[in-house]
Amino acid sequence: MTKNHQTEEKTCDDNCSSCSQEQSTHASKGLPPKSKIDVKHVILVLSGKGGVGKSTVSVNLA
């Protein structure tokens, strides 16, 4: 049984400054565009220690 090894040429070397391809190739690799949401305030519940009630406070605020 013979195996056919097909080598795929890498079409992108991640050097966009010398690239002749369209930029849409990299658009799918990044983060999706942010959607507009109506959020006026963000509250951060933070502590360096565990077991101090971060999740409880977060759930009760939501």
PDB file of N, CA and C in Angstrom:
ATOM      1  N   MET A   1       0.847  -1.166   0.000  1.00  0.00           N
ATOM      2  CA  MET A   1       0.000   0.000   0.000  1.00  0.00           C
ATOM      3  C   MET A   1       0.899   1.237   0.000  1.00  0.00           C
ATOM      4  N   THR A   2       0.670   2.120  -0.918  1.00  0.00           N
ATOM      5  CA  THR A   2       1.480   3.335  -0.988  1.00  0.00           C
ATOM      6  C   THR A   2       0.699   4.507  -0.450  1.00  0.00           C
ATOM      7  N   LYS A   3       1.409   5.373   0.220  1.00  0.00           N
ATOM      8  CA  LYS A   3       0.788   6.577   0.772  1.00  0.00           C
ATOM      9  C   LYS A   3       1.173   7.766  -0.098  1.00  0.00           C
ATOM     10  N   ASN A   4       0.196   8.539  -0.415  1.00  0.00           N
ATOM     11  CA  ASN A   4       0.446   9.757  -1.183  1.00  0.00           C
ATOM     12  C   ASN A   4       0.593  10.924  -0.220  1.00  0.00           C
ATOM     13  N   HIS A   5       1.770  11.445  -0.143  1.00  0.00           N
ATOM     14  CA  HIS A   5       2.026  12.590   0.721  1.00  0.00           C
ATOM     15  C   HIS A   5       1.876  13.845  -0.112  1.00  0.00           C
ATOM     16  N   GLN A   6       0.867  14.601   0.200  1.00  0.00           N
ATOM     17  CA  GLN A   6       0.666  15.859  -0.495  1.00  0.00           C
ATOM     18  C   GLN A   6       1.131  16.983   0.408  1.00  0.00           C
ATOM     19  N   THR A   7       2.068  17.734  -0.072  1.00  0.00           N
ATOM     20  CA  THR A   7       2.559  18.854   0.716  1.00  0.00           C
ATOM     21  C   THR A   7       1.757  20.086   0.340  1.00  0.00           C
ATOM     22  N   GLU A   8       1.179  20.681   1.335  1.00  0.00           N
ATOM     23  CA  GLU A   8       0.431  21.901   1.111  1.00  0.00           C
ATOM     24  C   GLU A   8       1.363  23.083   1.330  1.00  0.00           C
ATOM     25  N   GLU A   9       1.394  23.961   0.345  1.00  0.00           N
ATOM     26  CA  GLU A   9       2.224  25.136   0.479  1.00  0.00           C
ATOM     27  C   GLU A   9       1.528  26.139   1.387  1.00  0.00           C
ATOM     28  N   LYS A  10       2.289  26.684   2.286  1.00  0.00           N
ATOM     29  CA  LYS A  10       1.731  27.687   3.174  1.00  0.00           C
ATOM     30  C   LYS A  10       1.620  28.991   2.396  1.00  0.00           C
ATOM     31  N   THR A  11       0.402  29.498   2.284  1.00  0.00           N
ATOM     32  CA  THR A  11       0.192  30.702   1.497  1.00  0.00           C
ATOM     33  C   THR A  11       0.351  31.968   2.316  1.00  0.00           C
ATOM     34  N   CYS A  12       0.441  31.855   3.624  1.00  0.00           N
ATOM     35  CA  CYS A  12       0.567  33.036   4.470  1.00  0.00           C
ATOM     36  C   CYS A  12       1.728  32.832   5.436  1.00  0.00           C
ATOM     37  N   ASP A  13       2.655  33.798   5.445  1.00  0.00           N
ATOM     38  CA  ASP A  13       3.764  33.708   6.386  1.00  0.00           C
ATOM     39  C   ASP A  13       3.596  34.683   7.548  1.00  0.00           C
ATOM     40  N   ASP A  14       2.380  35.240   7.699  1.00  0.00           N
ATOM     41  CA  ASP A  14       2.028  36.170   8.771  1.00  0.00           C
ATOM     42  C   ASP A  14       2.843  37.453   8.735  1.00  0.00           C
ATOM     43  N   ASN A  15       3.421  37.777   7.591  1.00  0.00           N
ATOM     44  CA  ASN A  15       4.119  39.037   7.398  1.00  0.00           C
ATOM     45  C   ASN A  15       3.252  39.889   6.484  1.00  0.00           C
ATOM     46  N   CYS A  16       2.328  40.624   7.069  1.00  0.00           N
ATOM     47  CA  CYS A  16       1.309  41.335   6.294  1.00  0.00           C
ATOM     48  C   CYS A  16       1.877  42.509   5.505  1.00  0.00           C
ATOM     49  N   SER A  17       3.010  43.035   5.912  1.00  0.00           N
ATOM     50  CA  SER A  17       3.555  44.189   5.203  1.00  0.00           C
ATOM     51  C   SER A  17       4.035  43.830   3.799  1.00  0.00           C
ATOM     52  N   SER A  18       4.436  42.588   3.581  1.00  0.00           N
ATOM     53  CA  SER A  18       4.906  42.185   2.262  1.00  0.00           C
ATOM     54  C   SER A  18       3.918  41.286   1.546  1.00  0.00           C
ATOM     55  N   CYS A  19       2.678  41.284   1.989  1.00  0.00           N
ATOM     56  CA  CYS A  19       1.678  40.368   1.464  1.00  0.00           C
ATOM     57  C   CYS A  19       0.944  40.990   0.287  1.00  0.00           C
ATOM     58  N   SER A  20       0.685  40.179  -0.733  1.00  0.00           N
ATOM     59  CA  SER A  20      -0.072  40.657  -1.880  1.00  0.00           C
ATOM     60  C   SER A  20      -1.502  40.133  -1.878  1.00  0.00           C
ATOM     61  N   GLN A  21      -1.847  39.326  -0.870  1.00  0.00           N
ATOM     62  CA  GLN A  21      -3.190  38.779  -0.791  1.00  0.00           C
ATOM     63  C   GLN A  21      -4.137  39.779  -0.154  1.00  0.00           C
ATOM     64  N   GLU A  22      -5.424  39.508  -0.299  1.00  0.00           N
ATOM     65  CA  GLU A  22      -6.420  40.377   0.297  1.00  0.00           C
ATOM     66  C   GLU A  22      -6.353  40.273   1.817  1.00  0.00           C
ATOM     67  N   GLN A  23      -6.765  41.320   2.480  1.00  0.00           N
ATOM     68  CA  GLN A  23      -6.728  41.323   3.937  1.00  0.00           C
ATOM     69  C   GLN A  23      -7.855  40.507   4.535  1.00  0.00           C
ATOM     70  N   SER A  24      -8.810  40.086   3.737  1.00  0.00           N
ATOM     71  CA  SER A  24      -9.916  39.293   4.266  1.00  0.00           C
ATOM     72  C   SER A  24      -9.440  37.931   4.763  1.00  0.00           C
ATOM     73  N   THR A  25      -8.251  37.512   4.365  1.00  0.00           N
ATOM     74  CA  THR A  25      -7.706  36.248   4.840  1.00  0.00           C
ATOM     75  C   THR A  25      -7.492  36.295   6.341  1.00  0.00           C
ATOM     76  N   HIS A  26      -6.981  37.411   6.833  1.00  0.00           N
ATOM     77  CA  HIS A  26      -6.712  37.545   8.264  1.00  0.00           C
ATOM     78  C   HIS A  26      -7.936  37.993   9.042  1.00  0.00           C
ATOM     79  N   ALA A  27      -8.932  38.506   8.381  1.00  0.00           N
ATOM     80  CA  ALA A  27     -10.104  39.004   9.096  1.00  0.00           C
ATOM     81  C   ALA A  27     -10.815  37.881   9.840  1.00  0.00           C
ATOM     82  N   SER A  28     -10.767  36.681   9.305  1.00  0.00           N
ATOM     83  CA  SER A  28     -11.455  35.573   9.965  1.00  0.00           C
ATOM     84  C   SER A  28     -10.668  35.044  11.159  1.00  0.00           C
ATOM     85  N   LYS A  29      -9.401  35.390  11.286  1.00  0.00           N
ATOM     86  CA  LYS A  29      -8.595  34.898  12.385  1.00  0.00           C
ATOM     87  C   LYS A  29      -8.739  35.743  13.641  1.00  0.00           C
ATOM     88  N   GLY A  30      -9.148  36.994  13.494  1.00  0.00           N
ATOM     89  CA  GLY A  30      -9.210  37.893  14.632  1.00  0.00           C
ATOM     90  C   GLY A  30     -10.501  37.753  15.413  1.00  0.00           C
ATOM     91  N   LEU A  31     -10.704  38.673  16.314  1.00  0.00           N
ATOM     92  CA  LEU A  31     -11.906  38.688  17.118  1.00  0.00           C
ATOM     93  C   LEU A  31     -13.087  39.156  16.278  1.00  0.00           C
ATOM     94  N   PRO A  32     -14.278  38.698  16.605  1.00  0.00           N
ATOM     95  CA  PRO A  32     -15.448  39.178  15.870  1.00  0.00           C
ATOM     96  C   PRO A  32     -15.702  40.642  16.201  1.00  0.00           C
ATOM     97  N   PRO A  33     -16.369  41.369  15.315  1.00  0.00           N
ATOM     98  CA  PRO A  33     -16.633  42.778  15.601  1.00  0.00           C
ATOM     99  C   PRO A  33     -17.550  42.925  16.817  1.00  0.00           C
ATOM    100  N   LYS A  34     -17.301  43.978  17.576  1.00  0.00           N
ATOM    101  CA  LYS A  34     -18.088  44.200  18.789  1.00  0.00           C
ATOM    102  C   LYS A  34     -19.481  44.677  18.420  1.00  0.00           C
ATOM    103  N   SER A  35     -20.466  44.130  19.097  1.00  0.00           N
ATOM    104  CA  SER A  35     -21.832  44.573  18.876  1.00  0.00           C
ATOM    105  C   SER A  35     -22.144  45.702  19.849  1.00  0.00           C
ATOM    106  N   LYS A  36     -23.027  46.578  19.433  1.00  0.00           N
ATOM    107  CA  LYS A  36     -23.421  47.708  20.280  1.00  0.00           C
ATOM    108  C   LYS A  36     -24.385  47.221  21.356  1.00  0.00           C
ATOM    109  N   ILE A  37     -24.013  47.426  22.608  1.00  0.00           N
ATOM    110  CA  ILE A  37     -24.896  47.094  23.720  1.00  0.00           C
ATOM    111  C   ILE A  37     -25.024  48.329  24.595  1.00  0.00           C
ATOM    112  N   ASP A  38     -26.133  48.414  25.267  1.00  0.00           N
ATOM    113  CA  ASP A  38     -26.411  49.589  26.087  1.00  0.00           C
ATOM    114  C   ASP A  38     -26.013  49.310  27.534  1.00  0.00           C
ATOM    115  N   VAL A  39     -24.716  49.367  27.820  1.00  0.00           N
ATOM    116  CA  VAL A  39     -24.198  49.154  29.166  1.00  0.00           C
ATOM    117  C   VAL A  39     -23.642  50.479  29.655  1.00  0.00           C
ATOM    118  N   LYS A  40     -24.164  50.936  30.792  1.00  0.00           N
ATOM    119  CA  LYS A  40     -23.726  52.223  31.317  1.00  0.00           C
ATOM    120  C   LYS A  40     -22.654  52.072  32.386  1.00  0.00           C
ATOM    121  N   HIS A  41     -22.713  50.991  33.146  1.00  0.00           N
ATOM    122  CA  HIS A  41     -21.756  50.788  34.232  1.00  0.00           C
ATOM    123  C   HIS A  41     -21.275  49.333  34.227  1.00  0.00           C
ATOM    124  N   VAL A  42     -20.024  49.150  34.584  1.00  0.00           N
ATOM    125  CA  VAL A  42     -19.453  47.818  34.748  1.00  0.00           C
ATOM    126  C   VAL A  42     -18.891  47.744  36.160  1.00  0.00           C
ATOM    127  N   ILE A  43     -19.286  46.705  36.878  1.00  0.00           N
ATOM    128  CA  ILE A  43     -18.818  46.519  38.250  1.00  0.00           C
ATOM    129  C   ILE A  43     -17.887  45.321  38.279  1.00  0.00           C
ATOM    130  N   LEU A  44     -16.700  45.514  38.821  1.00  0.00           N
ATOM    131  CA  LEU A  44     -15.703  44.451  38.921  1.00  0.00           C
ATOM    132  C   LEU A  44     -15.678  43.928  40.356  1.00  0.00           C
ATOM    133  N   VAL A  45     -15.850  42.633  40.500  1.00  0.00           N
ATOM    134  CA  VAL A  45     -15.758  41.984  41.812  1.00  0.00           C
ATOM    135  C   VAL A  45     -14.441  41.224  41.812  1.00  0.00           C
ATOM    136  N   LEU A  46     -13.489  41.689  42.608  1.00  0.00           N
ATOM    137  CA  LEU A  46     -12.131  41.166  42.537  1.00  0.00           C
ATOM    138  C   LEU A  46     -11.564  40.940  43.936  1.00  0.00           C
ATOM    139  N   SER A  47     -10.841  39.850  44.074  1.00  0.00           N
ATOM    140  CA  SER A  47     -10.113  39.581  45.303  1.00  0.00           C
ATOM    141  C   SER A  47      -8.986  38.617  44.973  1.00  0.00           C
ATOM    142  N   GLY A  48      -7.884  38.783  45.645  1.00  0.00           N
ATOM    143  CA  GLY A  48      -6.742  37.906  45.426  1.00  0.00           C
ATOM    144  C   GLY A  48      -6.884  36.555  46.099  1.00  0.00           C
ATOM    145  N   LYS A  49      -7.793  36.469  47.042  1.00  0.00           N
ATOM    146  CA  LYS A  49      -7.978  35.224  47.790  1.00  0.00           C
ATOM    147  C   LYS A  49      -9.200  34.468  47.293  1.00  0.00           C
ATOM    148  N   GLY A  50      -9.219  33.199  47.516  1.00  0.00           N
ATOM    149  CA  GLY A  50     -10.378  32.390  47.175  1.00  0.00           C
ATOM    150  C   GLY A  50     -11.288  32.226  48.371  1.00  0.00           C
ATOM    151  N   GLY A  51     -12.561  31.972  48.095  1.00  0.00           N
ATOM    152  CA  GLY A  51     -13.497  31.707  49.175  1.00  0.00           C
ATOM    153  C   GLY A  51     -13.958  32.927  49.938  1.00  0.00           C
ATOM    154  N   VAL A  52     -13.910  34.083  49.299  1.00  0.00           N
ATOM    155  CA  VAL A  52     -14.310  35.305  49.997  1.00  0.00           C
ATOM    156  C   VAL A  52     -15.676  35.813  49.534  1.00  0.00           C
ATOM    157  N   GLY A  53     -16.348  35.088  48.639  1.00  0.00           N
ATOM    158  CA  GLY A  53     -17.707  35.437  48.240  1.00  0.00           C
ATOM    159  C   GLY A  53     -17.832  36.204  46.940  1.00  0.00           C
ATOM    160  N   LYS A  54     -16.835  36.106  46.052  1.00  0.00           N
ATOM    161  CA  LYS A  54     -16.901  36.829  44.768  1.00  0.00           C
ATOM    162  C   LYS A  54     -18.090  36.369  43.938  1.00  0.00           C
ATOM    163  N   SER A  55     -18.282  35.089  43.820  1.00  0.00           N
ATOM    164  CA  SER A  55     -19.387  34.556  43.027  1.00  0.00           C
ATOM    165  C   SER A  55     -20.730  34.901  43.648  1.00  0.00           C
ATOM    166  N   THR A  56     -20.829  34.833  44.953  1.00  0.00           N
ATOM    167  CA  THR A  56     -22.077  35.159  45.637  1.00  0.00           C
ATOM    168  C   THR A  56     -22.456  36.620  45.402  1.00  0.00           C
ATOM    169  N   VAL A  57     -21.492  37.508  45.523  1.00  0.00           N
ATOM    170  CA  VAL A  57     -21.758  38.929  45.291  1.00  0.00           C
ATOM    171  C   VAL A  57     -22.137  39.158  43.829  1.00  0.00           C
ATOM    172  N   SER A  58     -21.444  38.520  42.893  1.00  0.00           N
ATOM    173  CA  SER A  58     -21.738  38.688  41.474  1.00  0.00           C
ATOM    174  C   SER A  58     -23.147  38.220  41.126  1.00  0.00           C
ATOM    175  N   VAL A  59     -23.547  37.074  41.660  1.00  0.00           N
ATOM    176  CA  VAL A  59     -24.888  36.537  41.392  1.00  0.00           C
ATOM    177  C   VAL A  59     -25.950  37.439  41.993  1.00  0.00           C
ATOM    178  N   ASN A  60     -25.722  37.921  43.201  1.00  0.00           N
ATOM    179  CA  ASN A  60     -26.710  38.781  43.850  1.00  0.00           C
ATOM    180  C   ASN A  60     -26.824  40.140  43.172  1.00  0.00           C
ATOM    181  N   LEU A  61     -25.748  40.639  42.562  1.00  0.00           N
ATOM    182  CA  LEU A  61     -25.825  41.898  41.839  1.00  0.00           C
ATOM    183  C   LEU A  61     -26.522  41.738  40.487  1.00  0.00           C
ATOM    184  N   ALA A  62     -26.408  40.554  39.900  1.00  0.00           N
ATOM    185  CA  ALA A  62     -27.027  40.328  38.583  1.00  0.00           C
ATOM    186  C   ALA A  62     -28.470  40.190  38.733  1.00  0.00           C
TER     187      ALA A  62
END
